[in-house]
Amino acid sequence: MAFVLDETAQNLLFREAHTANTFSDAPVTDEQIKAV
């Protein structure tokens, strides 16, 4: 079974997304790690 992304998801992933190119000193919470 194929999964097709809707137009909004496609725009976010392929047109609007940006790669982070810097590191942050902000701590990462356990909640953020679990979300990933």
PDB file of N, CA and C in Angstrom:
ATOM      1  N   MET A   1       0.845  -1.182   0.000  1.00  0.00           N
ATOM      2  CA  MET A   1       0.000   0.000   0.000  1.00  0.00           C
ATOM      3  C   MET A   1       0.886   1.240   0.000  1.00  0.00           C
ATOM      4  N   ALA A   2       0.653   2.132  -0.914  1.00  0.00           N
ATOM      5  CA  ALA A   2       1.447   3.353  -1.027  1.00  0.00           C
ATOM      6  C   ALA A   2       0.865   4.445  -0.145  1.00  0.00           C
ATOM      7  N   PHE A   3       1.749   5.219   0.441  1.00  0.00           N
ATOM      8  CA  PHE A   3       1.343   6.359   1.252  1.00  0.00           C
ATOM      9  C   PHE A   3       1.673   7.619   0.469  1.00  0.00           C
ATOM     10  N   VAL A   4       0.687   8.465   0.225  1.00  0.00           N
ATOM     11  CA  VAL A   4       0.879   9.691  -0.545  1.00  0.00           C
ATOM     12  C   VAL A   4       0.725  10.886   0.382  1.00  0.00           C
ATOM     13  N   LEU A   5       1.739  11.758   0.375  1.00  0.00           N
ATOM     14  CA  LEU A   5       1.675  12.976   1.183  1.00  0.00           C
ATOM     15  C   LEU A   5       0.770  13.996   0.519  1.00  0.00           C
ATOM     16  N   ASP A   6       0.020  14.722   1.333  1.00  0.00           N
ATOM     17  CA  ASP A   6      -0.821  15.771   0.763  1.00  0.00           C
ATOM     18  C   ASP A   6       0.047  16.965   0.349  1.00  0.00           C
ATOM     19  N   GLU A   7      -0.551  17.886  -0.365  1.00  0.00           N
ATOM     20  CA  GLU A   7       0.173  19.038  -0.921  1.00  0.00           C
ATOM     21  C   GLU A   7       0.873  19.862   0.157  1.00  0.00           C
ATOM     22  N   THR A   8       0.232  20.052   1.303  1.00  0.00           N
ATOM     23  CA  THR A   8       0.819  20.831   2.394  1.00  0.00           C
ATOM     24  C   THR A   8       2.091  20.172   2.903  1.00  0.00           C
ATOM     25  N   ALA A   9       2.067  18.877   3.110  1.00  0.00           N
ATOM     26  CA  ALA A   9       3.241  18.149   3.593  1.00  0.00           C
ATOM     27  C   ALA A   9       4.358  18.171   2.554  1.00  0.00           C
ATOM     28  N   GLN A  10       4.019  18.023   1.296  1.00  0.00           N
ATOM     29  CA  GLN A  10       5.024  18.074   0.233  1.00  0.00           C
ATOM     30  C   GLN A  10       5.700  19.438   0.186  1.00  0.00           C
ATOM     31  N   ASN A  11       4.919  20.503   0.297  1.00  0.00           N
ATOM     32  CA  ASN A  11       5.495  21.847   0.295  1.00  0.00           C
ATOM     33  C   ASN A  11       6.453  22.035   1.457  1.00  0.00           C
ATOM     34  N   LEU A  12       6.064  21.574   2.633  1.00  0.00           N
ATOM     35  CA  LEU A  12       6.916  21.717   3.802  1.00  0.00           C
ATOM     36  C   LEU A  12       8.224  20.956   3.626  1.00  0.00           C
ATOM     37  N   LEU A  13       8.149  19.722   3.197  1.00  0.00           N
ATOM     38  CA  LEU A  13       9.347  18.890   3.081  1.00  0.00           C
ATOM     39  C   LEU A  13      10.269  19.297   1.939  1.00  0.00           C
ATOM     40  N   PHE A  14       9.709  19.612   0.788  1.00  0.00           N
ATOM     41  CA  PHE A  14      10.519  19.784  -0.405  1.00  0.00           C
ATOM     42  C   PHE A  14      10.725  21.225  -0.852  1.00  0.00           C
ATOM     43  N   ARG A  15       9.949  22.158  -0.324  1.00  0.00           N
ATOM     44  CA  ARG A  15      10.075  23.536  -0.790  1.00  0.00           C
ATOM     45  C   ARG A  15      10.370  24.530   0.323  1.00  0.00           C
ATOM     46  N   GLU A  16       9.821  24.299   1.514  1.00  0.00           N
ATOM     47  CA  GLU A  16       9.950  25.277   2.589  1.00  0.00           C
ATOM     48  C   GLU A  16      10.971  24.893   3.654  1.00  0.00           C
ATOM     49  N   ALA A  17      11.358  23.640   3.710  1.00  0.00           N
ATOM     50  CA  ALA A  17      12.271  23.175   4.759  1.00  0.00           C
ATOM     51  C   ALA A  17      13.680  23.717   4.526  1.00  0.00           C
ATOM     52  N   HIS A  18      14.370  23.969   5.605  1.00  0.00           N
ATOM     53  CA  HIS A  18      15.743  24.460   5.535  1.00  0.00           C
ATOM     54  C   HIS A  18      16.610  23.636   6.474  1.00  0.00           C
ATOM     55  N   THR A  19      17.824  23.383   6.048  1.00  0.00           N
ATOM     56  CA  THR A  19      18.770  22.641   6.872  1.00  0.00           C
ATOM     57  C   THR A  19      19.406  23.582   7.879  1.00  0.00           C
ATOM     58  N   ALA A  20      19.477  23.147   9.111  1.00  0.00           N
ATOM     59  CA  ALA A  20      20.159  23.942  10.136  1.00  0.00           C
ATOM     60  C   ALA A  20      21.652  23.925   9.836  1.00  0.00           C
ATOM     61  N   ASN A  21      22.288  25.085   9.891  1.00  0.00           N
ATOM     62  CA  ASN A  21      23.718  25.133   9.607  1.00  0.00           C
ATOM     63  C   ASN A  21      24.514  25.718  10.768  1.00  0.00           C
ATOM     64  N   THR A  22      23.901  25.784  11.927  1.00  0.00           N
ATOM     65  CA  THR A  22      24.594  26.235  13.132  1.00  0.00           C
ATOM     66  C   THR A  22      24.158  25.361  14.302  1.00  0.00           C
ATOM     67  N   PHE A  23      24.966  25.365  15.342  1.00  0.00           N
ATOM     68  CA  PHE A  23      24.614  24.646  16.559  1.00  0.00           C
ATOM     69  C   PHE A  23      24.106  25.642  17.585  1.00  0.00           C
ATOM     70  N   SER A  24      23.301  25.172  18.497  1.00  0.00           N
ATOM     71  CA  SER A  24      22.744  26.012  19.546  1.00  0.00           C
ATOM     72  C   SER A  24      23.244  25.530  20.897  1.00  0.00           C
ATOM     73  N   ASP A  25      23.408  26.461  21.819  1.00  0.00           N
ATOM     74  CA  ASP A  25      23.801  26.107  23.178  1.00  0.00           C
ATOM     75  C   ASP A  25      22.594  25.719  24.030  1.00  0.00           C
ATOM     76  N   ALA A  26      21.405  25.835  23.476  1.00  0.00           N
ATOM     77  CA  ALA A  26      20.190  25.516  24.226  1.00  0.00           C
ATOM     78  C   ALA A  26      20.128  24.014  24.498  1.00  0.00           C
ATOM     79  N   PRO A  27      19.755  23.638  25.711  1.00  0.00           N
ATOM     80  CA  PRO A  27      19.664  22.209  26.029  1.00  0.00           C
ATOM     81  C   PRO A  27      18.495  21.544  25.295  1.00  0.00           C
ATOM     82  N   VAL A  28      18.637  20.260  25.059  1.00  0.00           N
ATOM     83  CA  VAL A  28      17.580  19.468  24.434  1.00  0.00           C
ATOM     84  C   VAL A  28      16.869  18.696  25.535  1.00  0.00           C
ATOM     85  N   THR A  29      15.554  18.835  25.585  1.00  0.00           N
ATOM     86  CA  THR A  29      14.787  18.174  26.644  1.00  0.00           C
ATOM     87  C   THR A  29      14.498  16.719  26.268  1.00  0.00           C
ATOM     88  N   ASP A  30      14.181  15.920  27.271  1.00  0.00           N
ATOM     89  CA  ASP A  30      13.793  14.531  27.021  1.00  0.00           C
ATOM     90  C   ASP A  30      12.557  14.471  26.132  1.00  0.00           C
ATOM     91  N   GLU A  31      11.643  15.412  26.319  1.00  0.00           N
ATOM     92  CA  GLU A  31      10.423  15.461  25.508  1.00  0.00           C
ATOM     93  C   GLU A  31      10.755  15.677  24.030  1.00  0.00           C
ATOM     94  N   GLN A  32      11.713  16.560  23.735  1.00  0.00           N
ATOM     95  CA  GLN A  32      12.119  16.803  22.352  1.00  0.00           C
ATOM     96  C   GLN A  32      12.764  15.560  21.745  1.00  0.00           C
ATOM     97  N   ILE A  33      13.582  14.883  22.523  1.00  0.00           N
ATOM     98  CA  ILE A  33      14.239  13.673  22.029  1.00  0.00           C
ATOM     99  C   ILE A  33      13.204  12.596  21.721  1.00  0.00           C
ATOM    100  N   LYS A  34      12.235  12.429  22.596  1.00  0.00           N
ATOM    101  CA  LYS A  34      11.191  11.424  22.381  1.00  0.00           C
ATOM    102  C   LYS A  34      10.343  11.760  21.157  1.00  0.00           C
ATOM    103  N   ALA A  35      10.139  13.049  20.888  1.00  0.00           N
ATOM    104  CA  ALA A  35       9.330  13.467  19.747  1.00  0.00           C
ATOM    105  C   ALA A  35      10.003  13.119  18.424  1.00  0.00           C
ATOM    106  N   VAL A  36      11.319  13.105  18.447  1.00  0.00           N
ATOM    107  CA  VAL A  36      12.064  12.781  17.229  1.00  0.00           C
ATOM    108  C   VAL A  36      12.060  11.293  17.028  1.00  0.00           C
TER     109      VAL A  36
END
